[in-house]
Structure formats: C-alpha cells, structure tokens
Amino acid sequence: MSDEQEPIALLPCPFCGGEAEFIELNYGPDTQRELRLQSGQFHVVTCTKCGIDNGRVDDRGIAGYQSMPTAAQLWNRRA
C-alpha cells in the first residue's frame, strides 16, 4: 500500500479553456497564532492562461481554502 495520494483532477478554465493549477498560500506563524489557524497553508486554483482564480477572502482576511480537495471541488463545479 502506498502513502501517495492520487492527483486531484482540475477541469479547464470555465472562461477561456486554459489549464488550471493549484497555488499554495502560506501564512506565517504570527498570523496563524493571531487568527487561531490550525495550519498556515491555504489553496487556490488558478488558470494559467487568463489568470482567473477561485480564491475568496473570508471575514478574517484569509484567502483560499484549507484543503486542496475543497479548492478543486469548488473550481470544478459548473453552473
């Protein structure tokens, strides 16, 4: 049994059809303590062609999502 996770598939950009990729945002120890974050690592999906992303900023000023699967699921969701 392997510890490697299966890669998370991202659909092409819904606006231009460009390739999507994950961007990792890292908040430092001071921000983690101040905002009581379990982890300083957050994830956003962005288009490599047009630059659109699914980053959102919450009421604390934190951008992105705490897990890659959540960021991917929201990116892949289509109306």
Protein backbone atom coordinates (compact mmCIF):
# COMPACT_ATOMS: atom_id res chain seq x y z
CA MET A 1 0.00 0.00 0.00
CA SER A 2 1.38 3.43 -0.95
CA ASP A 3 1.18 6.67 1.03
CA GLU A 4 0.99 8.68 -2.19
CA GLN A 5 -2.33 10.35 -2.87
CA GLU A 6 -3.97 10.23 -6.25
CA PRO A 7 -3.59 13.57 -8.05
CA ILE A 8 -6.64 15.81 -7.94
CA ALA A 9 -8.05 16.42 -11.42
CA LEU A 10 -8.88 20.01 -12.34
CA LEU A 11 -11.22 20.92 -15.18
CA PRO A 12 -10.10 23.54 -17.71
CA CYS A 13 -10.92 27.17 -17.03
CA PRO A 14 -14.65 27.82 -17.46
CA PHE A 15 -13.92 31.19 -19.08
CA CYS A 16 -11.08 30.61 -21.55
CA GLY A 17 -10.47 26.83 -21.51
CA GLY A 18 -6.92 27.27 -20.19
CA GLU A 19 -5.14 24.80 -17.94
CA ALA A 20 -5.80 25.07 -14.21
CA GLU A 21 -3.24 24.67 -11.45
CA PHE A 22 -3.05 24.86 -7.66
CA ILE A 23 -1.43 27.81 -5.95
CA GLU A 24 -0.38 27.42 -2.33
CA LEU A 25 -0.69 30.38 0.03
CA ASN A 26 1.27 30.27 3.27
CA TYR A 27 0.54 32.43 6.29
CA GLY A 28 3.33 32.86 8.82
CA PRO A 29 3.38 31.83 12.49
CA ASP A 30 2.29 35.27 13.74
CA THR A 31 -0.80 35.25 11.52
CA GLN A 32 -1.54 31.64 12.46
CA ARG A 33 -1.45 32.50 16.17
CA GLU A 34 -3.37 35.74 15.80
CA LEU A 35 -6.18 34.13 13.78
CA ARG A 36 -6.01 30.78 15.60
CA LEU A 37 -5.40 28.85 12.38
CA GLN A 38 -4.64 25.14 12.62
CA SER A 39 -2.41 25.48 9.58
CA GLY A 40 -0.99 28.42 7.68
CA GLN A 41 -1.35 26.62 4.36
CA PHE A 42 -4.25 27.51 2.05
CA HIS A 43 -5.02 26.59 -1.56
CA VAL A 44 -6.43 28.37 -4.61
CA VAL A 45 -6.98 27.11 -8.16
CA THR A 46 -5.99 29.50 -10.94
CA CYS A 47 -5.99 29.49 -14.74
CA THR A 48 -2.52 29.58 -16.30
CA LYS A 49 -3.90 31.37 -19.37
CA CYS A 50 -6.26 34.14 -18.21
CA GLY A 51 -5.34 34.26 -14.51
CA ILE A 52 -8.84 33.91 -13.07
CA ASP A 53 -8.88 32.09 -9.73
CA ASN A 54 -11.34 30.74 -7.20
CA GLY A 55 -9.70 32.45 -4.25
CA ARG A 56 -12.07 34.02 -1.84
CA VAL A 57 -11.28 36.14 1.16
CA ASP A 58 -13.13 35.30 4.37
CA ASP A 59 -14.16 37.73 7.10
CA ARG A 60 -10.71 37.36 8.76
CA GLY A 61 -8.88 38.37 5.56
CA ILE A 62 -7.67 34.83 4.80
CA ALA A 63 -7.64 33.95 1.10
CA GLY A 64 -8.12 30.46 -0.27
CA TYR A 65 -9.26 27.13 1.14
CA GLN A 66 -7.69 24.95 3.80
CA SER A 67 -7.72 21.81 1.65
CA MET A 68 -6.80 21.08 -1.95
CA PRO A 69 -9.87 18.84 -2.43
CA THR A 70 -12.17 21.71 -1.37
CA ALA A 71 -10.45 24.17 -3.71
CA ALA A 72 -10.65 21.63 -6.57
CA GLN A 73 -14.28 20.77 -5.90
CA LEU A 74 -15.28 24.43 -5.99
CA TRP A 75 -13.23 25.07 -9.13
CA ASN A 76 -14.68 22.04 -10.90
CA ARG A 77 -18.28 22.91 -10.02
CA ARG A 78 -20.08 24.27 -13.05
CA ALA A 79 -23.46 26.01 -13.22
